[in-house]
């Protein structure tokens, strides 16, 4: 039997991952973009 508490916990983790992943990707792309500009300038 699956415990209700663990089920809720996994749902919370899934929601957290879904919310933070786009922000994390945005930060990564921004840093890569800035580094690319710096490399191209020099």
PDB file of N, CA and C in Angstrom:
ATOM      1  N   UNK A   1       0.834  -1.225   0.000  1.00  0.00           N
ATOM      2  CA  UNK A   1       0.000   0.000   0.000  1.00  0.00           C
ATOM      3  C   UNK A   1       0.863   1.267   0.000  1.00  0.00           C
ATOM      4  N   UNK A   2       0.464   2.232  -0.796  1.00  0.00           N
ATOM      5  CA  UNK A   2       1.193   3.497  -0.867  1.00  0.00           C
ATOM      6  C   UNK A   2       0.667   4.446   0.201  1.00  0.00           C
ATOM      7  N   UNK A   3       1.587   5.001   0.972  1.00  0.00           N
ATOM      8  CA  UNK A   3       1.205   5.935   2.028  1.00  0.00           C
ATOM      9  C   UNK A   3       0.799   7.272   1.416  1.00  0.00           C
ATOM     10  N   UNK A   4      -0.232   7.896   1.966  1.00  0.00           N
ATOM     11  CA  UNK A   4      -0.734   9.185   1.464  1.00  0.00           C
ATOM     12  C   UNK A   4       0.326  10.270   1.618  1.00  0.00           C
ATOM     13  N   UNK A   5       1.062  10.215   2.719  1.00  0.00           N
ATOM     14  CA  UNK A   5       2.093  11.231   2.981  1.00  0.00           C
ATOM     15  C   UNK A   5       3.207  11.189   1.941  1.00  0.00           C
ATOM     16  N   UNK A   6       3.650   9.980   1.593  1.00  0.00           N
ATOM     17  CA  UNK A   6       4.713   9.849   0.584  1.00  0.00           C
ATOM     18  C   UNK A   6       4.204  10.299  -0.782  1.00  0.00           C
ATOM     19  N   UNK A   7       2.934   9.993  -1.068  1.00  0.00           N
ATOM     20  CA  UNK A   7       2.328  10.414  -2.330  1.00  0.00           C
ATOM     21  C   UNK A   7       2.297  11.932  -2.431  1.00  0.00           C
ATOM     22  N   UNK A   8       1.868  12.585  -1.346  1.00  0.00           N
ATOM     23  CA  UNK A   8       1.846  14.050  -1.311  1.00  0.00           C
ATOM     24  C   UNK A   8       3.246  14.623  -1.463  1.00  0.00           C
ATOM     25  N   UNK A   9       4.211  13.961  -0.836  1.00  0.00           N
ATOM     26  CA  UNK A   9       5.596  14.417  -0.894  1.00  0.00           C
ATOM     27  C   UNK A   9       6.129  14.354  -2.329  1.00  0.00           C
ATOM     28  N   UNK A  10       5.852  13.247  -3.013  1.00  0.00           N
ATOM     29  CA  UNK A  10       6.309  13.105  -4.397  1.00  0.00           C
ATOM     30  C   UNK A  10       5.640  14.139  -5.295  1.00  0.00           C
ATOM     31  N   UNK A  11       4.365  14.425  -5.035  1.00  0.00           N
ATOM     32  CA  UNK A  11       3.653  15.455  -5.801  1.00  0.00           C
ATOM     33  C   UNK A  11       4.295  16.822  -5.588  1.00  0.00           C
ATOM     34  N   UNK A  12       4.645  17.116  -4.341  1.00  0.00           N
ATOM     35  CA  UNK A  12       5.295  18.384  -4.015  1.00  0.00           C
ATOM     36  C   UNK A  12       6.646  18.490  -4.711  1.00  0.00           C
ATOM     37  N   UNK A  13       7.396  17.392  -4.704  1.00  0.00           N
ATOM     38  CA  UNK A  13       8.711  17.361  -5.354  1.00  0.00           C
ATOM     39  C   UNK A  13       8.556  17.581  -6.854  1.00  0.00           C
ATOM     40  N   UNK A  14       7.565  16.910  -7.455  1.00  0.00           N
ATOM     41  CA  UNK A  14       7.314  17.065  -8.896  1.00  0.00           C
ATOM     42  C   UNK A  14       6.973  18.512  -9.232  1.00  0.00           C
ATOM     43  N   UNK A  15       6.093  19.115  -8.441  1.00  0.00           N
ATOM     44  CA  UNK A  15       5.717  20.516  -8.655  1.00  0.00           C
ATOM     45  C   UNK A  15       6.915  21.437  -8.499  1.00  0.00           C
ATOM     46  N   UNK A  16       7.741  21.166  -7.492  1.00  0.00           N
ATOM     47  CA  UNK A  16       8.942  21.967  -7.236  1.00  0.00           C
ATOM     48  C   UNK A  16       9.898  21.889  -8.419  1.00  0.00           C
ATOM     49  N   UNK A  17      10.095  20.677  -8.934  1.00  0.00           N
ATOM     50  CA  UNK A  17      10.987  20.472 -10.082  1.00  0.00           C
ATOM     51  C   UNK A  17      10.441  21.198 -11.309  1.00  0.00           C
ATOM     52  N   UNK A  18       9.134  21.064 -11.550  1.00  0.00           N
ATOM     53  CA  UNK A  18       8.513  21.718 -12.704  1.00  0.00           C
ATOM     54  C   UNK A  18       8.608  23.237 -12.612  1.00  0.00           C
ATOM     55  N   UNK A  19       8.538  23.774 -11.399  1.00  0.00           N
ATOM     56  CA  UNK A  19       8.621  25.224 -11.205  1.00  0.00           C
ATOM     57  C   UNK A  19      10.047  25.739 -11.321  1.00  0.00           C
ATOM     58  N   UNK A  20      11.017  24.978 -10.805  1.00  0.00           N
ATOM     59  CA  UNK A  20      12.399  25.461 -10.776  1.00  0.00           C
ATOM     60  C   UNK A  20      13.181  25.176 -12.056  1.00  0.00           C
ATOM     61  N   UNK A  21      12.805  24.135 -12.803  1.00  0.00           N
ATOM     62  CA  UNK A  21      13.549  23.772 -14.013  1.00  0.00           C
ATOM     63  C   UNK A  21      13.608  24.906 -15.038  1.00  0.00           C
ATOM     64  N   UNK A  22      12.481  25.566 -15.399  1.00  0.00           N
ATOM     65  CA  UNK A  22      12.564  26.664 -16.379  1.00  0.00           C
ATOM     66  C   UNK A  22      13.460  27.803 -15.913  1.00  0.00           C
ATOM     67  N   UNK A  23      13.401  28.141 -14.623  1.00  0.00           N
ATOM     68  CA  UNK A  23      14.229  29.220 -14.069  1.00  0.00           C
ATOM     69  C   UNK A  23      15.700  28.833 -14.163  1.00  0.00           C
ATOM     70  N   UNK A  24      16.004  27.580 -13.802  1.00  0.00           N
ATOM     71  CA  UNK A  24      17.378  27.076 -13.853  1.00  0.00           C
ATOM     72  C   UNK A  24      17.912  27.112 -15.283  1.00  0.00           C
ATOM     73  N   UNK A  25      17.085  26.654 -16.239  1.00  0.00           N
ATOM     74  CA  UNK A  25      17.485  26.664 -17.649  1.00  0.00           C
ATOM     75  C   UNK A  25      17.724  28.082 -18.131  1.00  0.00           C
ATOM     76  N   UNK A  26      16.878  29.015 -17.711  1.00  0.00           N
ATOM     77  CA  UNK A  26      17.028  30.422 -18.093  1.00  0.00           C
ATOM     78  C   UNK A  26      18.359  30.973 -17.602  1.00  0.00           C
ATOM     79  N   UNK A  27      18.701  30.686 -16.358  1.00  0.00           N
ATOM     80  CA  UNK A  27      19.972  31.157 -15.782  1.00  0.00           C
ATOM     81  C   UNK A  27      21.145  30.550 -16.552  1.00  0.00           C
ATOM     82  N   UNK A  28      21.065  29.257 -16.853  1.00  0.00           N
ATOM     83  CA  UNK A  28      22.136  28.574 -17.587  1.00  0.00           C
ATOM     84  C   UNK A  28      22.314  29.199 -18.963  1.00  0.00           C
ATOM     85  N   UNK A  29      21.210  29.411 -19.690  1.00  0.00           N
ATOM     86  CA  UNK A  29      21.294  30.014 -21.021  1.00  0.00           C
ATOM     87  C   UNK A  29      21.857  31.428 -20.959  1.00  0.00           C
ATOM     88  N   UNK A  30      21.465  32.187 -19.938  1.00  0.00           N
ATOM     89  CA  UNK A  30      21.977  33.556 -19.778  1.00  0.00           C
ATOM     90  C   UNK A  30      23.481  33.557 -19.567  1.00  0.00           C
ATOM     91  N   UNK A  31      23.970  32.672 -18.686  1.00  0.00           N
ATOM     92  CA  UNK A  31      25.408  32.618 -18.420  1.00  0.00           C
ATOM     93  C   UNK A  31      26.177  32.186 -19.663  1.00  0.00           C
ATOM     94  N   UNK A  32      25.647  31.207 -20.400  1.00  0.00           N
ATOM     95  CA  UNK A  32      26.293  30.753 -21.642  1.00  0.00           C
ATOM     96  C   UNK A  32      26.333  31.902 -22.648  1.00  0.00           C
ATOM     97  N   UNK A  33      25.249  32.640 -22.769  1.00  0.00           N
ATOM     98  CA  UNK A  33      25.158  33.772 -23.694  1.00  0.00           C
ATOM     99  C   UNK A  33      26.197  34.840 -23.343  1.00  0.00           C
ATOM    100  N   UNK A  34      26.307  35.168 -22.060  1.00  0.00           N
ATOM    101  CA  UNK A  34      27.281  36.178 -21.600  1.00  0.00           C
ATOM    102  C   UNK A  34      28.707  35.705 -21.887  1.00  0.00           C
ATOM    103  N   UNK A  35      28.998  34.431 -21.588  1.00  0.00           N
ATOM    104  CA  UNK A  35      30.337  33.887 -21.855  1.00  0.00           C
ATOM    105  C   UNK A  35      30.642  33.909 -23.347  1.00  0.00           C
ATOM    106  N   UNK A  36      29.661  33.573 -24.187  1.00  0.00           N
ATOM    107  CA  UNK A  36      29.840  33.588 -25.640  1.00  0.00           C
ATOM    108  C   UNK A  36      30.168  35.003 -26.118  1.00  0.00           C
ATOM    109  N   UNK A  37      29.462  35.998 -25.589  1.00  0.00           N
ATOM    110  CA  UNK A  37      29.724  37.398 -25.952  1.00  0.00           C
ATOM    111  C   UNK A  37      31.135  37.807 -25.544  1.00  0.00           C
ATOM    112  N   UNK A  38      31.550  37.414 -24.345  1.00  0.00           N
ATOM    113  CA  UNK A  38      32.898  37.747 -23.863  1.00  0.00           C
ATOM    114  C   UNK A  38      33.971  37.098 -24.732  1.00  0.00           C
ATOM    115  N   UNK A  39      33.758  35.848 -25.110  1.00  0.00           N
ATOM    116  CA  UNK A  39      34.724  35.124 -25.946  1.00  0.00           C
ATOM    117  C   UNK A  39      34.800  35.762 -27.338  1.00  0.00           C
ATOM    118  N   UNK A  40      33.649  36.129 -27.889  1.00  0.00           N
ATOM    119  CA  UNK A  40      33.621  36.739 -29.222  1.00  0.00           C
ATOM    120  C   UNK A  40      34.248  38.127 -29.224  1.00  0.00           C
ATOM    121  N   UNK A  41      34.133  38.845 -28.115  1.00  0.00           N
ATOM    122  CA  UNK A  41      34.707  40.197 -28.029  1.00  0.00           C
ATOM    123  C   UNK A  41      36.229  40.173 -28.014  1.00  0.00           C
ATOM    124  N   UNK A  42      36.814  39.190 -27.314  1.00  0.00           N
ATOM    125  CA  UNK A  42      38.274  39.150 -27.193  1.00  0.00           C
ATOM    126  C   UNK A  42      38.950  38.390 -28.322  1.00  0.00           C
TER     127      UNK A  42
END
